Amino acid sequence: MAERKKYTKRYCRYTEMKIDYIDYKDANLLRHTLSERFKIMPRRLTGNSKKWQERVERAIKRARHMALIPYISDRNSVVEDRR
């Protein structure tokens, strides 16, 4: 039988930093949960709890609406590893 991979437990970054409020104007804090193409990464990859993932999503959507974070990135600027 194939041996199972051992994954490390991911912890919520925002719970560890003891943040009370996620500010949508702080783009550096929000970049942790964005992929290289500026998509919102799921909880299973970031390790956020449900409460903080919902708050982060709301803050990212507000930042996008205010044009602080782009909705998508330019395809030419992203280097694809598949080639």
N, C-alpha and C. Protein backbone atom coordinates (compact mmCIF):
# COMPACT_ATOMS: atom_id res chain seq x y z
N MET A 1 0.83 -1.19 0.00
CA MET A 1 0.00 0.00 0.00
C MET A 1 0.87 1.25 0.00
N ALA A 2 0.32 2.27 -0.59
CA ALA A 2 1.04 3.54 -0.64
C ALA A 2 1.04 4.19 0.75
N GLU A 3 2.14 4.79 1.06
CA GLU A 3 2.26 5.45 2.35
C GLU A 3 1.60 6.82 2.30
N ARG A 4 0.86 7.16 3.33
CA ARG A 4 0.18 8.45 3.37
C ARG A 4 1.16 9.57 3.65
N LYS A 5 0.88 10.71 3.01
CA LYS A 5 1.72 11.88 3.25
C LYS A 5 1.33 12.50 4.58
N LYS A 6 2.32 13.00 5.28
CA LYS A 6 2.07 13.66 6.55
C LYS A 6 2.10 15.17 6.31
N TYR A 7 0.98 15.80 6.58
CA TYR A 7 0.89 17.23 6.41
C TYR A 7 1.04 17.92 7.75
N THR A 8 1.61 19.09 7.73
CA THR A 8 1.72 19.86 8.95
C THR A 8 0.42 20.61 9.19
N LYS A 9 0.08 20.79 10.43
CA LYS A 9 -1.14 21.51 10.79
C LYS A 9 -0.94 22.98 10.48
N ARG A 10 -1.88 23.55 9.73
CA ARG A 10 -1.81 24.97 9.41
C ARG A 10 -2.64 25.73 10.43
N TYR A 11 -2.09 26.82 10.89
CA TYR A 11 -2.76 27.63 11.90
C TYR A 11 -3.22 28.94 11.29
N CYS A 12 -4.26 29.46 11.84
CA CYS A 12 -4.81 30.73 11.37
C CYS A 12 -3.84 31.85 11.70
N ARG A 13 -3.40 32.53 10.68
CA ARG A 13 -2.43 33.60 10.85
C ARG A 13 -3.00 34.76 11.66
N TYR A 14 -4.26 35.05 11.45
CA TYR A 14 -4.87 36.20 12.09
C TYR A 14 -5.18 35.93 13.56
N THR A 15 -5.46 34.70 13.91
CA THR A 15 -5.66 34.35 15.31
C THR A 15 -4.34 34.42 16.07
N GLU A 16 -3.27 33.98 15.43
CA GLU A 16 -1.95 34.03 16.08
C GLU A 16 -1.49 35.45 16.30
N MET A 17 -1.79 36.36 15.35
CA MET A 17 -1.37 37.75 15.49
C MET A 17 -2.30 38.54 16.40
N LYS A 18 -3.41 37.92 16.82
CA LYS A 18 -4.40 38.53 17.72
C LYS A 18 -4.91 39.85 17.18
N ILE A 19 -5.35 39.81 15.91
CA ILE A 19 -5.90 40.98 15.26
C ILE A 19 -7.39 41.05 15.57
N ASP A 20 -7.88 42.25 15.84
CA ASP A 20 -9.31 42.43 16.10
C ASP A 20 -10.08 42.72 14.82
N TYR A 21 -9.45 43.41 13.88
CA TYR A 21 -10.15 43.87 12.69
C TYR A 21 -9.18 43.80 11.50
N ILE A 22 -9.65 43.30 10.38
CA ILE A 22 -8.85 43.27 9.16
C ILE A 22 -9.20 44.50 8.33
N ASP A 23 -8.24 45.37 8.18
CA ASP A 23 -8.46 46.61 7.45
C ASP A 23 -8.27 46.36 5.96
N TYR A 24 -9.24 46.76 5.16
CA TYR A 24 -9.16 46.54 3.72
C TYR A 24 -8.09 47.41 3.07
N LYS A 25 -7.64 48.44 3.76
CA LYS A 25 -6.61 49.33 3.20
C LYS A 25 -5.20 48.77 3.37
N ASP A 26 -5.04 47.75 4.19
CA ASP A 26 -3.74 47.12 4.42
C ASP A 26 -3.54 46.00 3.40
N ALA A 27 -3.03 46.34 2.23
CA ALA A 27 -2.89 45.37 1.14
C ALA A 27 -1.83 44.31 1.44
N ASN A 28 -0.81 44.67 2.20
CA ASN A 28 0.24 43.69 2.52
C ASN A 28 -0.29 42.55 3.38
N LEU A 29 -1.21 42.86 4.26
CA LEU A 29 -1.81 41.83 5.11
C LEU A 29 -2.72 40.91 4.30
N LEU A 30 -3.39 41.47 3.31
CA LEU A 30 -4.32 40.69 2.50
C LEU A 30 -3.62 39.84 1.45
N ARG A 31 -2.39 40.17 1.09
CA ARG A 31 -1.67 39.42 0.06
C ARG A 31 -1.39 37.98 0.47
N HIS A 32 -1.42 37.70 1.76
CA HIS A 32 -1.19 36.34 2.25
C HIS A 32 -2.24 35.36 1.73
N THR A 33 -3.46 35.85 1.54
CA THR A 33 -4.53 34.98 1.10
C THR A 33 -4.87 35.13 -0.37
N LEU A 34 -4.01 35.82 -1.12
CA LEU A 34 -4.20 35.96 -2.56
C LEU A 34 -3.16 35.15 -3.31
N SER A 35 -3.56 34.54 -4.42
CA SER A 35 -2.61 33.80 -5.24
C SER A 35 -1.84 34.78 -6.11
N GLU A 36 -0.94 34.24 -6.94
CA GLU A 36 -0.14 35.11 -7.80
C GLU A 36 -0.98 35.79 -8.87
N ARG A 37 -2.14 35.24 -9.15
CA ARG A 37 -3.08 35.85 -10.10
C ARG A 37 -4.18 36.63 -9.39
N PHE A 38 -3.98 36.90 -8.11
CA PHE A 38 -4.87 37.70 -7.28
C PHE A 38 -6.24 37.05 -7.08
N LYS A 39 -6.27 35.73 -7.05
CA LYS A 39 -7.49 35.02 -6.67
C LYS A 39 -7.44 34.75 -5.17
N ILE A 40 -8.61 34.67 -4.56
CA ILE A 40 -8.67 34.38 -3.13
C ILE A 40 -8.42 32.90 -2.92
N MET A 41 -7.42 32.57 -2.10
CA MET A 41 -7.08 31.17 -1.87
C MET A 41 -8.04 30.58 -0.83
N PRO A 42 -8.34 29.28 -0.95
CA PRO A 42 -9.27 28.64 -0.02
C PRO A 42 -8.66 28.41 1.36
N ARG A 43 -9.54 28.11 2.30
CA ARG A 43 -9.13 27.91 3.69
C ARG A 43 -8.16 26.76 3.85
N ARG A 44 -8.34 25.71 3.08
CA ARG A 44 -7.48 24.53 3.24
C ARG A 44 -6.04 24.82 2.86
N LEU A 45 -5.81 25.84 2.05
CA LEU A 45 -4.44 26.20 1.68
C LEU A 45 -3.84 27.25 2.62
N THR A 46 -4.66 28.17 3.08
CA THR A 46 -4.14 29.23 3.94
C THR A 46 -4.14 28.85 5.41
N GLY A 47 -5.05 27.97 5.82
CA GLY A 47 -5.12 27.57 7.22
C GLY A 47 -5.97 28.51 8.06
N ASN A 48 -6.67 29.44 7.43
CA ASN A 48 -7.52 30.36 8.19
C ASN A 48 -8.73 29.63 8.76
N SER A 49 -9.20 30.14 9.89
CA SER A 49 -10.45 29.62 10.43
C SER A 49 -11.60 30.20 9.62
N LYS A 50 -12.78 29.63 9.79
CA LYS A 50 -13.93 30.06 9.00
C LYS A 50 -14.26 31.53 9.26
N LYS A 51 -14.21 31.92 10.51
CA LYS A 51 -14.51 33.30 10.89
C LYS A 51 -13.57 34.28 10.20
N TRP A 52 -12.27 33.99 10.23
CA TRP A 52 -11.29 34.90 9.65
C TRP A 52 -11.28 34.83 8.14
N GLN A 53 -11.58 33.68 7.56
CA GLN A 53 -11.64 33.58 6.11
C GLN A 53 -12.78 34.45 5.56
N GLU A 54 -13.91 34.46 6.23
CA GLU A 54 -15.02 35.29 5.79
C GLU A 54 -14.68 36.77 5.91
N ARG A 55 -13.99 37.15 6.99
CA ARG A 55 -13.59 38.55 7.15
C ARG A 55 -12.55 38.96 6.12
N VAL A 56 -11.64 38.06 5.81
CA VAL A 56 -10.62 38.36 4.80
C VAL A 56 -11.26 38.51 3.43
N GLU A 57 -12.18 37.63 3.09
CA GLU A 57 -12.87 37.73 1.81
C GLU A 57 -13.61 39.05 1.67
N ARG A 58 -14.27 39.47 2.73
CA ARG A 58 -15.00 40.73 2.71
C ARG A 58 -14.03 41.90 2.53
N ALA A 59 -12.88 41.85 3.22
CA ALA A 59 -11.90 42.93 3.12
C ALA A 59 -11.27 42.97 1.72
N ILE A 60 -11.01 41.80 1.13
CA ILE A 60 -10.44 41.75 -0.22
C ILE A 60 -11.43 42.31 -1.23
N LYS A 61 -12.69 41.96 -1.09
CA LYS A 61 -13.70 42.47 -2.02
C LYS A 61 -13.86 43.98 -1.89
N ARG A 62 -13.76 44.50 -0.69
CA ARG A 62 -13.81 45.95 -0.50
C ARG A 62 -12.59 46.63 -1.11
N ALA A 63 -11.42 46.02 -0.92
CA ALA A 63 -10.19 46.59 -1.48
C ALA A 63 -10.22 46.55 -3.00
N ARG A 64 -10.79 45.52 -3.57
CA ARG A 64 -10.93 45.47 -5.03
C ARG A 64 -11.87 46.55 -5.52
N HIS A 65 -12.95 46.76 -4.80
CA HIS A 65 -13.92 47.79 -5.19
C HIS A 65 -13.30 49.18 -5.13
N MET A 66 -12.42 49.40 -4.18
CA MET A 66 -11.74 50.69 -4.04
C MET A 66 -10.48 50.78 -4.91
N ALA A 67 -10.21 49.75 -5.70
CA ALA A 67 -9.07 49.68 -6.63
C ALA A 67 -7.73 49.68 -5.91
N LEU A 68 -7.67 49.10 -4.71
CA LEU A 68 -6.40 48.94 -4.01
C LEU A 68 -5.72 47.64 -4.41
N ILE A 69 -6.51 46.65 -4.80
CA ILE A 69 -6.03 45.35 -5.25
C ILE A 69 -6.70 45.07 -6.59
N PRO A 70 -5.96 44.58 -7.58
CA PRO A 70 -6.59 44.29 -8.87
C PRO A 70 -7.50 43.06 -8.79
N TYR A 71 -8.49 43.03 -9.67
CA TYR A 71 -9.36 41.86 -9.76
C TYR A 71 -8.60 40.67 -10.35
N ILE A 72 -7.85 40.92 -11.41
CA ILE A 72 -7.01 39.90 -12.04
C ILE A 72 -5.68 40.52 -12.40
N SER A 73 -4.68 39.69 -12.62
CA SER A 73 -3.39 40.20 -13.03
C SER A 73 -3.24 40.03 -14.54
N ASP A 74 -2.29 40.72 -15.09
CA ASP A 74 -2.02 40.63 -16.52
C ASP A 74 -1.42 39.27 -16.81
N ARG A 75 -1.93 38.58 -17.81
CA ARG A 75 -1.44 37.24 -18.14
C ARG A 75 0.03 37.25 -18.53
N ASN A 76 0.48 38.31 -19.17
CA ASN A 76 1.87 38.37 -19.63
C ASN A 76 2.86 38.55 -18.48
N SER A 77 2.41 39.11 -17.37
CA SER A 77 3.33 39.33 -16.25
C SER A 77 3.52 38.09 -15.39
N VAL A 78 2.62 37.14 -15.50
CA VAL A 78 2.71 35.91 -14.70
C VAL A 78 3.47 34.86 -15.51
N VAL A 79 4.53 34.33 -14.93
CA VAL A 79 5.32 33.31 -15.59
C VAL A 79 4.70 31.96 -15.29
N GLU A 80 4.36 31.23 -16.33
CA GLU A 80 3.76 29.91 -16.14
C GLU A 80 4.87 28.85 -16.10
N ASP A 81 4.77 27.98 -15.12
CA ASP A 81 5.78 26.95 -14.93
C ASP A 81 5.54 25.73 -15.81
N ARG A 82 4.43 25.68 -16.47
CA ARG A 82 4.09 24.48 -17.26
C ARG A 82 4.92 24.37 -18.53
N ARG A 83 5.45 25.44 -19.00
CA ARG A 83 6.20 25.38 -20.26
C ARG A 83 7.61 24.98 -20.05
